């Protein structure tokens, strides 16, 4: 009997990954808002001021007193101009108005804006030809955000719109989770770097760039190590060095039960295995545990297994380390039937489209073997099919994971 979980369900494995990541939550740092793209907030953000912080004009036009609009047309005297950026000491009296630009503060005495297109200019007067309602085209103080509002929550990822909001509130820096450091290893005597000649029995190393690209898409700066041969002493030496220096070590290959698959035994003797082998397709031999200071994720060697296990378990690991809030699930309707004839949790390649009715649909790719990388390149999503046998019909709604 193994002293670690093996051949477990996908949801069980996901729970183990999340629990391990939560126990090793990374520390925080304050960085400039302008450099915080994609970072994860460590605390709630409370608005220090209201947005807008003063009543201002929504349009280019004229600020006036609505009480002057008793009949059409109305002729008003223009007594000044109010531009955005500086409040002028202007007072709108009965029968008067002020020329105003978008974003400019409302002058005293005015309570309505009439658009420039709705007046006729006559020297230092304007004739209002279309009567606006009281308060028309004024942005009110606090209309968007009120001072003291919680505008962002701990765990939120800082999207461009959220960075814009922080800047609008005058927040020049923000507290975020430290980004995890990640070491990437590809293993196997058969691997050759692209550009070099292939000998019989060799293949080019595609997994390194696949995995490095996936990590960079998460906003990380991973470190790629040289290809490791199927030699336990070399594996132990270099993986041990990485495990002492990085938060996460991710490997590709060497996790099955073959004669040269040394990683499970190395992790068992040098660290601790969290689980080995998950009832998922592709990616069944995936290995997870910790060694020294690093959490280790051993991905199978087939490229589509790398894609599926990273997007499902690897992304969850990195999110958990940073305290990221759960990503909202995405769904699409199948545009073709699919017959699932095995019990494992499956990640099937698919292509996203919008139907004539606007619904998001996904077309399953017929190639479902884990070595068929072109099928992954032709697709842009993984279709998530839970455990159990089932026939899926056109129109059935399924969860999807974009990449």
Protein backbone atom coordinates (compact mmCIF):
# COMPACT_ATOMS: atom_id res chain seq x y z
CA UNK A 1 0.00 0.00 0.00
CA UNK A 2 1.43 3.39 -1.03
CA UNK A 3 1.83 6.06 1.66
CA UNK A 4 0.34 8.71 -0.68
CA UNK A 5 -2.88 9.02 -2.71
CA UNK A 6 -2.72 7.41 -6.14
CA UNK A 7 -5.16 6.99 -9.03
CA UNK A 8 -7.41 9.55 -7.40
CA UNK A 9 -10.25 11.55 -8.93
CA UNK A 10 -9.55 14.90 -10.54
CA UNK A 11 -11.52 16.92 -7.96
CA UNK A 12 -9.62 15.16 -5.15
CA UNK A 13 -6.30 16.05 -6.80
CA UNK A 14 -7.40 19.65 -7.31
CA UNK A 15 -8.29 19.89 -3.62
CA UNK A 16 -4.85 18.63 -2.60
CA UNK A 17 -3.15 21.20 -4.86
CA UNK A 18 -5.25 24.05 -3.50
CA UNK A 19 -4.69 23.04 0.12
CA UNK A 20 -0.92 22.80 -0.39
CA UNK A 21 -0.82 26.20 -2.12
CA UNK A 22 -2.87 27.81 0.66
CA UNK A 23 -0.42 26.53 3.27
CA UNK A 24 2.45 28.13 1.34
CA UNK A 25 0.75 31.41 0.48
CA UNK A 26 3.37 33.85 -0.75
CA UNK A 27 4.18 37.07 1.06
CA UNK A 28 3.09 40.49 -0.19
CA UNK A 29 4.78 43.58 -1.53
CA UNK A 30 3.81 47.11 -2.46
CA UNK A 31 4.52 48.10 -6.03
CA UNK A 32 3.72 51.03 -8.29
CA UNK A 33 0.23 50.84 -9.73
CA UNK A 34 1.65 51.42 -13.20
CA UNK A 35 3.61 48.16 -12.86
CA UNK A 36 0.85 46.02 -11.35
CA UNK A 37 -0.63 44.52 -14.50
CA UNK A 38 -2.06 41.09 -13.75
CA UNK A 39 -0.97 41.07 -10.11
CA UNK A 40 -3.20 39.76 -7.30
CA UNK A 41 -4.46 42.08 -4.55
CA UNK A 42 -3.68 41.06 -0.98
CA UNK A 43 -6.24 43.37 0.65
CA UNK A 44 -9.47 45.20 -0.07
CA UNK A 45 -9.17 48.62 -1.70
CA UNK A 46 -11.26 51.36 -0.07
CA UNK A 47 -11.92 54.49 -2.10
CA UNK A 48 -10.19 57.52 -0.54
CA UNK A 49 -12.37 59.91 -2.53
CA UNK A 50 -15.56 60.00 -4.57
CA UNK A 51 -15.70 59.65 -8.34
CA UNK A 52 -16.49 62.09 -9.74
CA UNK A 53 -15.09 64.20 -6.91
CA UNK A 54 -17.11 67.24 -8.05
CA UNK A 55 -20.18 67.90 -10.21
CA UNK A 56 -19.06 68.33 -13.81
CA UNK A 57 -20.34 68.54 -17.37
CA UNK A 58 -20.94 65.41 -19.40
CA UNK A 59 -20.91 67.38 -22.68
CA UNK A 60 -19.51 70.40 -24.44
CA UNK A 61 -22.23 73.00 -24.18
CA UNK A 62 -23.62 75.67 -21.87
CA UNK A 63 -24.29 75.62 -18.13
CA UNK A 64 -27.51 77.41 -17.24
CA UNK A 65 -30.37 77.75 -14.77
CA UNK A 66 -33.22 75.46 -15.65
CA UNK A 67 -35.68 77.99 -14.20
CA UNK A 68 -34.83 80.28 -17.17
CA UNK A 69 -36.27 77.75 -19.65
CA UNK A 70 -39.88 78.86 -19.47
CA UNK A 71 -40.61 78.80 -23.20
CA UNK A 72 -39.00 78.05 -26.57
CA UNK A 73 -36.73 79.51 -27.72
CA UNK A 74 -34.84 81.11 -24.79
CA UNK A 75 -32.13 83.73 -25.28
CA UNK A 76 -29.36 83.79 -22.65
CA UNK A 77 -26.29 85.96 -22.16
CA UNK A 78 -22.90 84.14 -22.17
CA UNK A 79 -20.95 85.53 -19.18
CA UNK A 80 -17.81 83.37 -19.31
CA UNK A 81 -16.16 80.10 -20.12
CA UNK A 82 -15.47 77.13 -17.83
CA UNK A 83 -12.84 74.65 -19.04
CA UNK A 84 -11.77 71.36 -17.51
CA UNK A 85 -8.92 71.61 -15.02
CA UNK A 86 -9.59 74.78 -13.01
CA UNK A 87 -12.74 76.13 -11.41
CA UNK A 88 -13.35 79.74 -12.46
CA UNK A 89 -15.02 82.18 -10.03
CA UNK A 90 -18.17 82.36 -12.18
CA UNK A 91 -21.75 82.90 -11.00
CA UNK A 92 -24.69 82.18 -13.28
CA UNK A 93 -27.48 84.69 -12.61
CA UNK A 94 -31.01 84.69 -14.11
CA UNK A 95 -30.88 85.08 -17.89
CA UNK A 96 -27.23 84.02 -18.07
CA UNK A 97 -25.20 80.96 -19.01
CA UNK A 98 -21.55 79.84 -19.16
CA UNK A 99 -19.84 78.09 -22.04
CA UNK A 100 -18.49 74.77 -20.65
CA UNK A 101 -16.43 71.82 -21.88
CA UNK A 102 -16.68 68.11 -21.08
CA UNK A 103 -15.36 67.36 -17.59
CA UNK A 104 -15.34 70.98 -16.47
CA UNK A 105 -16.73 71.75 -12.98
CA UNK A 106 -20.19 73.23 -12.76
CA UNK A 107 -20.20 76.99 -12.14
CA UNK A 108 -22.13 78.32 -9.18
CA UNK A 109 -25.80 78.92 -9.84
CA UNK A 110 -26.08 76.52 -12.81
CA UNK A 111 -28.03 73.28 -12.53
CA UNK A 112 -28.39 72.04 -16.12
CA UNK A 113 -26.30 71.58 -19.26
CA UNK A 114 -27.58 72.17 -22.78
CA UNK A 115 -25.51 70.59 -25.54
CA UNK A 116 -23.74 72.87 -27.96
CA UNK A 117 -25.65 71.28 -30.85
CA UNK A 118 -28.95 72.40 -29.31
CA UNK A 119 -28.24 76.14 -29.26
CA UNK A 120 -27.76 78.90 -31.83
CA UNK A 121 -24.93 81.32 -31.07
CA UNK A 122 -25.61 85.05 -31.56
CA UNK A 123 -22.55 87.06 -30.49
CA UNK A 124 -22.39 87.09 -26.69
CA UNK A 125 -25.77 85.39 -26.45
CA UNK A 126 -27.13 81.93 -27.27
CA UNK A 127 -30.63 80.88 -28.22
CA UNK A 128 -31.66 77.56 -26.67
CA UNK A 129 -33.70 75.73 -29.31
CA UNK A 130 -34.22 72.39 -27.52
CA UNK A 131 -35.27 72.34 -23.88
CA UNK A 132 -33.19 69.99 -21.67
CA UNK A 133 -34.63 68.46 -18.52
CA UNK A 134 -33.53 69.68 -15.10
CA UNK A 135 -30.03 68.37 -14.31
CA UNK A 136 -29.38 67.21 -17.88
CA UNK A 137 -25.83 66.08 -18.73
CA UNK A 138 -24.32 66.68 -15.31
CA UNK A 139 -22.05 64.05 -13.78
CA UNK A 140 -22.82 64.14 -10.06
CA UNK A 141 -20.26 63.78 -7.29
CA UNK A 142 -20.02 60.13 -6.17
CA UNK A 143 -22.09 58.93 -9.13
CA UNK A 144 -19.50 56.21 -9.88
CA UNK A 145 -17.77 55.68 -6.54
CA UNK A 146 -18.41 57.10 -3.09
CA UNK A 147 -15.55 57.73 -0.68
CA UNK A 148 -15.33 54.75 1.68
CA UNK A 149 -16.67 52.23 -0.84
CA UNK A 150 -14.83 48.90 -1.14
CA UNK A 151 -14.05 49.01 -4.85
CA UNK A 152 -11.76 45.97 -5.18
CA UNK A 153 -11.41 42.83 -3.08
CA UNK A 154 -8.45 40.81 -1.87
CA UNK A 155 -7.76 38.12 -4.46
CA UNK A 156 -8.82 40.23 -7.43
CA UNK A 157 -6.51 40.14 -10.43
CA UNK A 158 -5.53 43.64 -11.54
CA UNK A 159 -6.92 43.98 -15.04
CA UNK A 160 -6.33 47.14 -17.12
CA UNK A 161 -9.75 48.48 -16.08
CA UNK A 162 -8.97 47.90 -12.40
CA UNK A 163 -5.61 49.60 -12.76
CA UNK A 164 -7.43 52.53 -14.33
CA UNK A 165 -9.78 52.67 -11.35
CA UNK A 166 -6.88 52.66 -8.88
CA UNK A 167 -5.25 55.51 -10.79
CA UNK A 168 -8.51 57.47 -10.91
CA UNK A 169 -8.61 57.20 -7.13
CA UNK A 170 -5.09 58.61 -6.90
CA UNK A 171 -3.50 55.39 -5.64
CA UNK A 172 0.09 55.38 -6.87
CA UNK A 173 0.98 52.03 -5.28
CA UNK A 174 -0.85 48.89 -4.27
CA UNK A 175 -0.32 45.79 -2.12
CA UNK A 176 -0.05 42.60 -4.16
CA UNK A 177 1.06 39.01 -3.71
CA UNK A 178 4.63 38.27 -4.68
CA UNK A 179 4.81 36.42 -7.96
CA UNK A 180 5.98 32.82 -7.56
CA UNK A 181 9.37 31.89 -8.93
CA UNK A 182 9.11 28.88 -11.25
CA UNK A 183 11.79 26.52 -12.56
CA UNK A 184 10.95 24.51 -15.69
CA UNK A 185 12.59 21.19 -16.55
CA UNK A 186 12.11 18.94 -19.55
CA UNK A 187 13.50 15.42 -19.24
CA UNK A 188 14.36 12.60 -21.59
CA UNK A 189 17.33 11.19 -23.49
CA UNK A 190 15.36 11.51 -26.71
CA UNK A 191 15.01 15.32 -26.62
CA UNK A 192 16.90 17.56 -29.03
CA UNK A 193 16.82 21.35 -29.19
CA UNK A 194 15.03 22.83 -32.25
CA UNK A 195 17.51 23.73 -34.99
CA UNK A 196 19.84 20.78 -34.35
CA UNK A 197 19.84 17.67 -36.54
CA UNK A 198 17.75 14.71 -35.39
CA UNK A 199 19.20 11.24 -35.03
CA UNK A 200 16.98 8.16 -35.38
CA UNK A 201 14.74 7.85 -32.34
CA UNK A 202 15.09 11.51 -31.29
CA UNK A 203 12.41 14.21 -31.15
CA UNK A 204 12.53 17.98 -30.79
CA UNK A 205 11.84 19.50 -27.40
CA UNK A 206 8.41 21.10 -27.82
CA UNK A 207 7.33 20.96 -24.18
CA UNK A 208 9.74 23.62 -22.95
CA UNK A 209 8.35 26.40 -25.14
CA UNK A 210 4.79 25.18 -24.62
CA UNK A 211 5.15 25.36 -20.85
CA UNK A 212 7.19 28.57 -20.83
CA UNK A 213 4.53 30.24 -22.97
CA UNK A 214 1.76 29.08 -20.64
CA UNK A 215 3.62 30.46 -17.64
CA UNK A 216 4.35 33.79 -19.32
CA UNK A 217 0.66 34.08 -20.17
CA UNK A 218 0.06 33.96 -16.40
CA UNK A 219 2.31 37.02 -16.00
CA UNK A 220 5.26 35.02 -14.64
CA UNK A 221 8.93 35.00 -15.56
CA UNK A 222 9.86 31.30 -15.46
CA UNK A 223 13.42 29.99 -15.62
CA UNK A 224 14.10 27.18 -18.09
CA UNK A 225 16.81 24.70 -17.11
CA UNK A 226 18.76 22.54 -19.58
CA UNK A 227 17.18 19.27 -20.67
CA UNK A 228 17.80 16.55 -18.09
CA UNK A 229 18.80 13.05 -19.16
CA UNK A 230 17.09 9.97 -17.78
CA UNK A 231 19.76 9.63 -15.11
CA UNK A 232 18.63 9.57 -11.46
CA UNK A 233 21.84 11.12 -10.11
CA UNK A 234 21.68 14.08 -12.52
CA UNK A 235 17.97 14.46 -11.88
CA UNK A 236 18.47 14.45 -8.11
CA UNK A 237 21.29 16.99 -8.26
CA UNK A 238 19.65 19.58 -10.50
CA UNK A 239 16.11 19.19 -9.17
CA UNK A 240 17.48 19.46 -5.64
CA UNK A 241 19.24 22.72 -6.52
CA UNK A 242 16.05 24.13 -8.02
CA UNK A 243 13.90 22.93 -5.12
CA UNK A 244 16.08 24.89 -2.69
CA UNK A 245 15.78 28.14 -4.63
CA UNK A 246 12.35 28.31 -6.33
CA UNK A 247 8.77 28.40 -5.10
CA UNK A 248 7.59 25.97 -7.79
CA UNK A 249 9.39 23.34 -9.86
CA UNK A 250 7.57 21.98 -12.91
CA UNK A 251 8.90 19.03 -14.87
CA UNK A 252 7.80 17.42 -18.14
CA UNK A 253 8.27 13.69 -18.61
CA UNK A 254 9.64 10.92 -16.41
CA UNK A 255 6.54 10.46 -14.24
CA UNK A 256 5.05 7.23 -15.59
CA UNK A 257 5.95 3.72 -14.43
CA UNK A 258 8.61 2.91 -17.02
CA UNK A 259 12.19 1.83 -16.38
CA UNK A 260 13.48 5.39 -16.92
CA UNK A 261 10.70 7.22 -15.10
CA UNK A 262 12.70 8.18 -12.01
CA UNK A 263 10.81 11.22 -10.73
CA UNK A 264 8.19 9.51 -8.53
CA UNK A 265 10.87 7.62 -6.59
CA UNK A 266 13.08 10.71 -6.30
CA UNK A 267 10.22 12.78 -4.92
CA UNK A 268 9.24 9.99 -2.54
CA UNK A 269 12.76 9.73 -1.09
CA UNK A 270 13.89 13.39 -1.25
CA UNK A 271 10.60 15.13 -0.49
CA UNK A 272 6.99 14.11 -0.10
CA UNK A 273 4.42 13.01 -2.66
CA UNK A 274 0.99 14.64 -2.43
CA UNK A 275 -0.45 12.37 -5.11
CA UNK A 276 0.67 10.35 -8.12
CA UNK A 277 -1.69 9.47 -10.97
CA UNK A 278 -5.09 11.06 -11.42
CA UNK A 279 -8.15 9.72 -13.19
CA UNK A 280 -7.95 12.31 -15.95
CA UNK A 281 -7.42 12.28 -19.70
CA UNK A 282 -4.92 13.35 -20.85
CA UNK A 283 -2.40 13.55 -18.01
CA UNK A 284 -3.10 10.48 -15.89
CA UNK A 285 0.50 10.01 -14.56
CA UNK A 286 0.73 13.58 -13.17
CA UNK A 287 2.80 13.82 -9.99
CA UNK A 288 2.51 16.42 -7.21
CA UNK A 289 4.34 17.02 -3.94
CA UNK A 290 7.05 19.11 -2.31
CA UNK A 291 10.82 18.99 -2.13
CA UNK A 292 12.74 21.36 0.13
CA UNK A 293 11.13 24.85 -0.23
CA UNK A 294 9.45 24.09 -3.58
CA UNK A 295 6.09 22.66 -4.51
CA UNK A 296 6.68 20.23 -7.37
CA UNK A 297 4.39 19.41 -10.26
CA UNK A 298 5.52 16.59 -12.53
CA UNK A 299 3.67 16.69 -15.83
CA UNK A 300 3.59 13.76 -18.29
CA UNK A 301 5.76 14.00 -21.39
CA UNK A 302 3.12 14.10 -24.11
CA UNK A 303 2.55 17.75 -25.13
CA UNK A 304 -1.24 17.76 -24.85
CA UNK A 305 -0.91 16.24 -21.40
CA UNK A 306 1.36 19.18 -20.53
CA UNK A 307 -1.27 21.60 -21.80
CA UNK A 308 -4.18 19.97 -19.95
CA UNK A 309 -2.43 19.34 -16.64
CA UNK A 310 -0.96 22.82 -16.50
CA UNK A 311 -4.23 24.61 -17.31
CA UNK A 312 -6.11 22.53 -14.75
CA UNK A 313 -3.72 21.75 -11.88
CA UNK A 314 -0.74 24.04 -12.59
CA UNK A 315 -2.84 27.17 -12.90
CA UNK A 316 -4.70 26.27 -9.69
CA UNK A 317 -1.36 25.88 -7.90
CA UNK A 318 -0.08 29.29 -9.02
CA UNK A 319 -3.43 30.96 -8.24
CA UNK A 320 -3.46 29.46 -4.76
CA UNK A 321 0.06 30.60 -3.95
CA UNK A 322 -0.97 34.18 -4.77
CA UNK A 323 -4.37 34.01 -3.06
CA UNK A 324 -6.22 34.68 -6.30
CA UNK A 325 -10.01 34.58 -6.13
CA UNK A 326 -11.59 31.68 -8.07
CA UNK A 327 -11.75 32.33 -11.78
CA UNK A 328 -15.36 32.42 -13.01
CA UNK A 329 -16.20 29.31 -15.03
CA UNK A 330 -16.88 29.68 -18.75
CA UNK A 331 -19.39 27.62 -20.70
CA UNK A 332 -20.27 26.96 -24.32
CA UNK A 333 -22.74 24.81 -26.25
CA UNK A 334 -21.40 21.83 -28.18
CA UNK A 335 -21.71 22.29 -31.94
CA UNK A 336 -21.17 18.57 -32.58
CA UNK A 337 -22.03 15.43 -30.60
CA UNK A 338 -19.41 13.58 -28.60
CA UNK A 339 -19.47 10.09 -27.15
CA UNK A 340 -17.40 9.69 -23.97
CA UNK A 341 -16.52 6.03 -23.58
CA UNK A 342 -14.29 6.06 -20.51
CA UNK A 343 -14.68 6.93 -16.84
CA UNK A 344 -11.88 9.49 -16.48
CA UNK A 345 -12.32 13.26 -16.18
CA UNK A 346 -11.45 14.52 -19.68
CA UNK A 347 -10.06 17.67 -21.23
CA UNK A 348 -10.97 17.60 -24.91
CA UNK A 349 -9.58 20.08 -27.44
CA UNK A 350 -12.11 22.35 -29.12
CA UNK A 351 -12.57 25.50 -31.19
CA UNK A 352 -14.76 28.38 -29.99
CA UNK A 353 -17.22 30.14 -32.28
CA UNK A 354 -20.21 32.45 -31.94
CA UNK A 355 -23.38 31.12 -33.55
CA UNK A 356 -25.83 33.15 -35.57
CA UNK A 357 -27.89 33.60 -32.40
CA UNK A 358 -24.89 35.00 -30.53
CA UNK A 359 -24.39 31.92 -28.35
CA UNK A 360 -20.84 30.76 -27.75
CA UNK A 361 -20.32 27.30 -29.22
CA UNK A 362 -17.41 24.88 -29.14
CA UNK A 363 -16.50 22.34 -31.80
CA UNK A 364 -14.75 19.23 -30.42
CA UNK A 365 -11.60 18.26 -32.29
CA UNK A 366 -11.71 14.64 -33.49
CA UNK A 367 -8.02 14.08 -32.63
CA UNK A 368 -7.96 13.23 -28.93
CA UNK A 369 -4.59 11.47 -28.47
CA UNK A 370 -2.20 13.20 -26.07
CA UNK A 371 0.69 13.33 -28.56
CA UNK A 372 -1.29 15.17 -31.26
CA UNK A 373 -0.03 18.70 -30.79
CA UNK A 374 -1.42 20.06 -34.04
CA UNK A 375 -4.94 19.47 -32.75
CA UNK A 376 -4.09 21.66 -29.76
CA UNK A 377 -2.63 24.32 -32.06
CA UNK A 378 -5.79 24.26 -34.21
CA UNK A 379 -7.96 24.68 -31.09
CA UNK A 380 -8.30 27.47 -28.55
CA UNK A 381 -10.05 25.81 -25.62
CA UNK A 382 -10.29 22.64 -23.60
CA UNK A 383 -13.73 21.12 -23.19
CA UNK A 384 -14.21 19.79 -19.65
CA UNK A 385 -16.07 16.47 -19.47
CA UNK A 386 -16.55 15.17 -15.90
CA UNK A 387 -16.01 11.57 -14.86
CA UNK A 388 -18.37 8.92 -16.20
CA UNK A 389 -19.57 7.55 -19.51
CA UNK A 390 -21.97 9.80 -21.41
CA UNK A 391 -23.23 10.70 -24.85
CA UNK A 392 -23.21 14.47 -25.44
CA UNK A 393 -25.61 15.97 -27.96
CA UNK A 394 -25.43 19.12 -30.05
CA UNK A 395 -26.46 22.05 -27.87
CA UNK A 396 -25.38 20.48 -24.57
CA UNK A 397 -23.66 23.12 -22.43
CA UNK A 398 -20.17 22.23 -21.23
CA UNK A 399 -17.48 23.98 -19.22
CA UNK A 400 -14.52 25.29 -21.22
CA UNK A 401 -11.00 26.43 -20.36
CA UNK A 402 -9.52 28.92 -22.80
CA UNK A 403 -5.87 29.05 -23.74
